[in-house]
PDB file of all heavy atoms in Angstrom:
ATOM      1  N   ALA A   1       0.836  -1.207   0.000  1.00  0.00           N
ATOM      2  CA  ALA A   1       0.000   0.000   0.000  1.00  0.00           C
ATOM      3  C   ALA A   1       0.864   1.249   0.000  1.00  0.00           C
ATOM      4  O   ALA A   1       0.553   2.238  -0.691  1.00  0.00           O
ATOM      5  CB  ALA A   1      -0.927  -0.014   1.219  1.00  0.00           C
ATOM      6  N   TYR A   2       1.954   1.212   0.750  1.00  0.00           N
ATOM      7  CA  TYR A   2       2.853   2.370   0.775  1.00  0.00           C
ATOM      8  C   TYR A   2       3.466   2.597  -0.603  1.00  0.00           C
ATOM      9  O   TYR A   2       3.559   3.740  -1.073  1.00  0.00           O
ATOM     10  CB  TYR A   2       3.958   2.178   1.812  1.00  0.00           C
ATOM     11  CG  TYR A   2       4.921   3.345   1.847  1.00  0.00           C
ATOM     12  CD1 TYR A   2       4.663   4.459   2.654  1.00  0.00           C
ATOM     13  CD2 TYR A   2       6.054   3.358   1.038  1.00  0.00           C
ATOM     14  CE1 TYR A   2       5.522   5.544   2.652  1.00  0.00           C
ATOM     15  CE2 TYR A   2       6.912   4.439   1.032  1.00  0.00           C
ATOM     16  CZ  TYR A   2       6.642   5.534   1.845  1.00  0.00           C
ATOM     17  OH  TYR A   2       7.495   6.619   1.820  1.00  0.00           O
ATOM     18  N   ALA A   3       3.903   1.523  -1.256  1.00  0.00           N
ATOM     19  CA  ALA A   3       4.529   1.658  -2.570  1.00  0.00           C
ATOM     20  C   ALA A   3       3.544   2.183  -3.609  1.00  0.00           C
ATOM     21  O   ALA A   3       3.922   2.928  -4.522  1.00  0.00           O
ATOM     22  CB  ALA A   3       5.091   0.304  -3.015  1.00  0.00           C
ATOM     23  N   THR A   4       2.275   1.794  -3.480  1.00  0.00           N
ATOM     24  CA  THR A   4       1.259   2.239  -4.429  1.00  0.00           C
ATOM     25  C   THR A   4       0.950   3.724  -4.280  1.00  0.00           C
ATOM     26  O   THR A   4       0.891   4.472  -5.269  1.00  0.00           O
ATOM     27  CB  THR A   4      -0.040   1.425  -4.237  1.00  0.00           C
ATOM     28  OG1 THR A   4       0.242   0.038  -4.439  1.00  0.00           O
ATOM     29  CG2 THR A   4      -1.123   1.885  -5.208  1.00  0.00           C
ATOM     30  N   ARG A   5       0.798   4.153  -3.020  1.00  0.00           N
ATOM     31  CA  ARG A   5       0.494   5.571  -2.774  1.00  0.00           C
ATOM     32  C   ARG A   5       0.993   5.941  -1.386  1.00  0.00           C
ATOM     33  O   ARG A   5       0.301   5.693  -0.395  1.00  0.00           O
ATOM     34  CB  ARG A   5      -1.006   5.834  -2.884  1.00  0.00           C
ATOM     35  CG  ARG A   5      -1.336   7.332  -2.889  1.00  0.00           C
ATOM     36  CD  ARG A   5      -2.824   7.577  -3.007  1.00  0.00           C
ATOM     37  NE  ARG A   5      -3.104   8.984  -3.201  1.00  0.00           N
ATOM     38  CZ  ARG A   5      -4.304   9.537  -3.148  1.00  0.00           C
ATOM     39  NH1 ARG A   5      -5.364   8.762  -2.908  1.00  0.00           N
ATOM     40  NH2 ARG A   5      -4.469  10.827  -3.336  1.00  0.00           N
ATOM     41  N   PRO A   6       2.176   6.526  -1.283  1.00  0.00           N
ATOM     42  CA  PRO A   6       2.734   6.856   0.030  1.00  0.00           C
ATOM     43  C   PRO A   6       1.801   7.769   0.823  1.00  0.00           C
ATOM     44  O   PRO A   6       1.320   8.781   0.296  1.00  0.00           O
ATOM     45  CB  PRO A   6       4.049   7.572  -0.318  1.00  0.00           C
ATOM     46  CG  PRO A   6       4.406   7.054  -1.671  1.00  0.00           C
ATOM     47  CD  PRO A   6       3.094   6.859  -2.375  1.00  0.00           C
ATOM     48  N   PRO A   7       1.521   7.426   2.064  1.00  0.00           N
ATOM     49  CA  PRO A   7       0.642   8.260   2.900  1.00  0.00           C
ATOM     50  C   PRO A   7       1.422   9.397   3.546  1.00  0.00           C
ATOM     51  O   PRO A   7       2.656   9.464   3.472  1.00  0.00           O
ATOM     52  CB  PRO A   7       0.151   7.264   3.952  1.00  0.00           C
ATOM     53  CG  PRO A   7       1.319   6.334   4.127  1.00  0.00           C
ATOM     54  CD  PRO A   7       1.936   6.190   2.755  1.00  0.00           C
ATOM     55  N   ASP A   8       0.687  10.283   4.189  1.00  0.00           N
ATOM     56  CA  ASP A   8       1.302  11.372   4.946  1.00  0.00           C
ATOM     57  C   ASP A   8       1.630  10.947   6.375  1.00  0.00           C
ATOM     58  O   ASP A   8       2.457  11.572   7.032  1.00  0.00           O
ATOM     59  CB  ASP A   8       0.358  12.581   4.991  1.00  0.00           C
ATOM     60  CG  ASP A   8       0.075  13.132   3.604  1.00  0.00           C
ATOM     61  OD1 ASP A   8       1.040  13.447   2.897  1.00  0.00           O
ATOM     62  OD2 ASP A   8      -1.109  13.212   3.224  1.00  0.00           O
ATOM     63  N   LEU A   9       0.980   9.865   6.839  1.00  0.00           N
ATOM     64  CA  LEU A   9       1.208   9.368   8.189  1.00  0.00           C
ATOM     65  C   LEU A   9       0.833   7.895   8.241  1.00  0.00           C
ATOM     66  O   LEU A   9      -0.128   7.473   7.580  1.00  0.00           O
ATOM     67  CB  LEU A   9       0.400  10.164   9.222  1.00  0.00           C
ATOM     68  CG  LEU A   9       0.565   9.763  10.693  1.00  0.00           C
ATOM     69  CD1 LEU A   9       0.565  11.000  11.597  1.00  0.00           C
ATOM     70  CD2 LEU A   9      -0.565   8.837  11.135  1.00  0.00           C
ATOM     71  N   LEU A  10       1.580   7.133   9.039  1.00  0.00           N
ATOM     72  CA  LEU A  10       1.337   5.697   9.184  1.00  0.00           C
ATOM     73  C   LEU A  10       0.910   5.407  10.615  1.00  0.00           C
ATOM     74  O   LEU A  10       1.616   5.749  11.567  1.00  0.00           O
ATOM     75  CB  LEU A  10       2.619   4.934   8.847  1.00  0.00           C
ATOM     76  CG  LEU A  10       2.606   3.411   8.974  1.00  0.00           C
ATOM     77  CD1 LEU A  10       1.587   2.799   8.013  1.00  0.00           C
ATOM     78  CD2 LEU A  10       3.998   2.856   8.687  1.00  0.00           C
ATOM     79  N   VAL A  11      -0.255   4.774  10.781  1.00  0.00           N
ATOM     80  CA  VAL A  11      -0.718   4.268  12.071  1.00  0.00           C
ATOM     81  C   VAL A  11      -0.489   2.768  12.037  1.00  0.00           C
ATOM     82  O   VAL A  11      -1.143   2.048  11.278  1.00  0.00           O
ATOM     83  CB  VAL A  11      -2.201   4.590  12.312  1.00  0.00           C
ATOM     84  CG1 VAL A  11      -2.658   4.050  13.665  1.00  0.00           C
ATOM     85  CG2 VAL A  11      -2.436   6.102  12.247  1.00  0.00           C
ATOM     86  N   LEU A  12       0.443   2.271  12.864  1.00  0.00           N
ATOM     87  CA  LEU A  12       0.977   0.928  12.678  1.00  0.00           C
ATOM     88  C   LEU A  12       0.891   0.106  13.955  1.00  0.00           C
ATOM     89  O   LEU A  12       1.504   0.441  14.978  1.00  0.00           O
ATOM     90  CB  LEU A  12       2.436   1.048  12.223  1.00  0.00           C
ATOM     91  CG  LEU A  12       3.225  -0.218  11.960  1.00  0.00           C
ATOM     92  CD1 LEU A  12       2.569  -1.050  10.855  1.00  0.00           C
ATOM     93  CD2 LEU A  12       4.654   0.142  11.555  1.00  0.00           C
ATOM     94  N   ASP A  13       0.137  -0.997  13.897  1.00  0.00           N
ATOM     95  CA  ASP A  13       0.076  -1.923  15.022  1.00  0.00           C
ATOM     96  C   ASP A  13       1.395  -2.694  15.105  1.00  0.00           C
ATOM     97  O   ASP A  13       1.969  -3.066  14.072  1.00  0.00           O
ATOM     98  CB  ASP A  13      -1.093  -2.896  14.822  1.00  0.00           C
ATOM     99  CG  ASP A  13      -1.388  -3.719  16.066  1.00  0.00           C
ATOM    100  OD1 ASP A  13      -0.966  -3.305  17.161  1.00  0.00           O
ATOM    101  OD2 ASP A  13      -2.034  -4.767  15.939  1.00  0.00           O
ATOM    102  N   VAL A  14       1.873  -2.931  16.310  1.00  0.00           N
ATOM    103  CA  VAL A  14       3.137  -3.656  16.473  1.00  0.00           C
ATOM    104  C   VAL A  14       2.971  -5.133  16.146  1.00  0.00           C
ATOM    105  O   VAL A  14       3.782  -5.734  15.438  1.00  0.00           O
ATOM    106  CB  VAL A  14       3.681  -3.483  17.908  1.00  0.00           C
ATOM    107  CG1 VAL A  14       4.872  -4.408  18.150  1.00  0.00           C
ATOM    108  CG2 VAL A  14       4.094  -2.030  18.152  1.00  0.00           C
ATOM    109  N   MET A  15       1.909  -5.763  16.667  1.00  0.00           N
ATOM    110  CA  MET A  15       1.711  -7.204  16.493  1.00  0.00           C
ATOM    111  C   MET A  15       0.890  -7.462  15.229  1.00  0.00           C
ATOM    112  O   MET A  15      -0.307  -7.191  15.183  1.00  0.00           O
ATOM    113  CB  MET A  15       1.006  -7.784  17.719  1.00  0.00           C
ATOM    114  CG  MET A  15       1.769  -7.568  19.017  1.00  0.00           C
ATOM    115  SD  MET A  15       3.407  -8.325  19.003  1.00  0.00           S
ATOM    116  CE  MET A  15       2.949 -10.060  18.931  1.00  0.00           C
ATOM    117  N   LEU A  16       1.554  -8.003  14.205  1.00  0.00           N
ATOM    118  CA  LEU A  16       0.910  -8.313  12.938  1.00  0.00           C
ATOM    119  C   LEU A  16       1.131  -9.790  12.614  1.00  0.00           C
ATOM    120  O   LEU A  16       2.102 -10.393  13.085  1.00  0.00           O
ATOM    121  CB  LEU A  16       1.481  -7.425  11.825  1.00  0.00           C
ATOM    122  CG  LEU A  16       1.233  -5.918  11.984  1.00  0.00           C
ATOM    123  CD1 LEU A  16       2.021  -5.147  10.941  1.00  0.00           C
ATOM    124  CD2 LEU A  16      -0.258  -5.603  11.875  1.00  0.00           C
ATOM    125  N   PRO A  17       0.268 -10.388  11.800  1.00  0.00           N
ATOM    126  CA  PRO A  17       0.343 -11.837  11.589  1.00  0.00           C
ATOM    127  C   PRO A  17       1.559 -12.289  10.794  1.00  0.00           C
ATOM    128  O   PRO A  17       2.067 -13.394  11.006  1.00  0.00           O
ATOM    129  CB  PRO A  17      -0.961 -12.157  10.840  1.00  0.00           C
ATOM    130  CG  PRO A  17      -1.352 -10.867  10.196  1.00  0.00           C
ATOM    131  CD  PRO A  17      -0.913  -9.798  11.154  1.00  0.00           C
ATOM    132  N   ASP A  18       2.048 -11.483   9.860  1.00  0.00           N
ATOM    133  CA  ASP A  18       3.138 -11.937   9.003  1.00  0.00           C
ATOM    134  C   ASP A  18       4.499 -11.380   9.400  1.00  0.00           C
ATOM    135  O   ASP A  18       5.524 -12.042   9.259  1.00  0.00           O
ATOM    136  CB  ASP A  18       2.849 -11.605   7.544  1.00  0.00           C
ATOM    137  CG  ASP A  18       2.460 -10.139   7.348  1.00  0.00           C
ATOM    138  OD1 ASP A  18       2.307  -9.409   8.350  1.00  0.00           O
ATOM    139  OD2 ASP A  18       2.313  -9.730   6.179  1.00  0.00           O
ATOM    140  N   THR A  19       4.525 -10.167   9.887  1.00  0.00           N
ATOM    141  CA  THR A  19       5.767  -9.538  10.353  1.00  0.00           C
ATOM    142  C   THR A  19       5.387  -8.457  11.342  1.00  0.00           C
ATOM    143  O   THR A  19       4.286  -7.923  11.275  1.00  0.00           O
ATOM    144  CB  THR A  19       6.572  -8.955   9.177  1.00  0.00           C
ATOM    145  OG1 THR A  19       7.822  -8.454   9.651  1.00  0.00           O
ATOM    146  CG2 THR A  19       5.809  -7.817   8.514  1.00  0.00           C
ATOM    147  N   ASP A  20       6.271  -8.152  12.271  1.00  0.00           N
ATOM    148  CA  ASP A  20       5.877  -7.171  13.281  1.00  0.00           C
ATOM    149  C   ASP A  20       6.016  -5.751  12.738  1.00  0.00           C
ATOM    150  O   ASP A  20       6.708  -5.500  11.743  1.00  0.00           O
ATOM    151  CB  ASP A  20       6.698  -7.341  14.560  1.00  0.00           C
ATOM    152  CG  ASP A  20       8.179  -7.118  14.346  1.00  0.00           C
ATOM    153  OD1 ASP A  20       8.579  -5.969  14.124  1.00  0.00           O
ATOM    154  OD2 ASP A  20       8.940  -8.101  14.401  1.00  0.00           O
ATOM    155  N   GLY A  21       5.344  -4.832  13.418  1.00  0.00           N
ATOM    156  CA  GLY A  21       5.354  -3.447  12.988  1.00  0.00           C
ATOM    157  C   GLY A  21       6.737  -2.823  13.014  1.00  0.00           C
ATOM    158  O   GLY A  21       7.047  -1.938  12.201  1.00  0.00           O
ATOM    159  N   PHE A  22       7.588  -3.251  13.951  1.00  0.00           N
ATOM    160  CA  PHE A  22       8.951  -2.735  14.002  1.00  0.00           C
ATOM    161  C   PHE A  22       9.674  -3.007  12.680  1.00  0.00           C
ATOM    162  O   PHE A  22      10.373  -2.141  12.150  1.00  0.00           O
ATOM    163  CB  PHE A  22       9.729  -3.384  15.152  1.00  0.00           C
ATOM    164  CG  PHE A  22       9.225  -3.027  16.516  1.00  0.00           C
ATOM    165  CD1 PHE A  22       9.362  -3.931  17.564  1.00  0.00           C
ATOM    166  CD2 PHE A  22       8.610  -1.812  16.773  1.00  0.00           C
ATOM    167  CE1 PHE A  22       8.913  -3.615  18.842  1.00  0.00           C
ATOM    168  CE2 PHE A  22       8.145  -1.489  18.038  1.00  0.00           C
ATOM    169  CZ  PHE A  22       8.295  -2.392  19.077  1.00  0.00           C
ATOM    170  N   THR A  23       9.513  -4.223  12.162  1.00  0.00           N
ATOM    171  CA  THR A  23      10.187  -4.590  10.912  1.00  0.00           C
ATOM    172  C   THR A  23       9.642  -3.788   9.740  1.00  0.00           C
ATOM    173  O   THR A  23      10.398  -3.329   8.874  1.00  0.00           O
ATOM    174  CB  THR A  23      10.021  -6.099  10.640  1.00  0.00           C
ATOM    175  OG1 THR A  23      10.572  -6.825  11.741  1.00  0.00           O
ATOM    176  CG2 THR A  23      10.728  -6.502   9.364  1.00  0.00           C
ATOM    177  N   VAL A  24       8.322  -3.605   9.694  1.00  0.00           N
ATOM    178  CA  VAL A  24       7.712  -2.792   8.642  1.00  0.00           C
ATOM    179  C   VAL A  24       8.287  -1.382   8.671  1.00  0.00           C
ATOM    180  O   VAL A  24       8.693  -0.820   7.629  1.00  0.00           O
ATOM    181  CB  VAL A  24       6.180  -2.739   8.806  1.00  0.00           C
ATOM    182  CG1 VAL A  24       5.561  -1.748   7.821  1.00  0.00           C
ATOM    183  CG2 VAL A  24       5.575  -4.126   8.610  1.00  0.00           C
ATOM    184  N   CYS A  25       8.363  -0.806   9.853  1.00  0.00           N
ATOM    185  CA  CYS A  25       8.881   0.553   9.997  1.00  0.00           C
ATOM    186  C   CYS A  25      10.338   0.622   9.555  1.00  0.00           C
ATOM    187  O   CYS A  25      10.739   1.538   8.831  1.00  0.00           O
ATOM    188  CB  CYS A  25       8.725   0.989  11.452  1.00  0.00           C
ATOM    189  SG  CYS A  25       9.111   2.732  11.739  1.00  0.00           S
TER     190      CYS A  25
END
């Protein structure tokens, strides 16, 4: 989603099913 259209702000949960939010960040 970020690659398709970068947002102005990211609201990111830490615990995700495939990878944690820290890694995404």
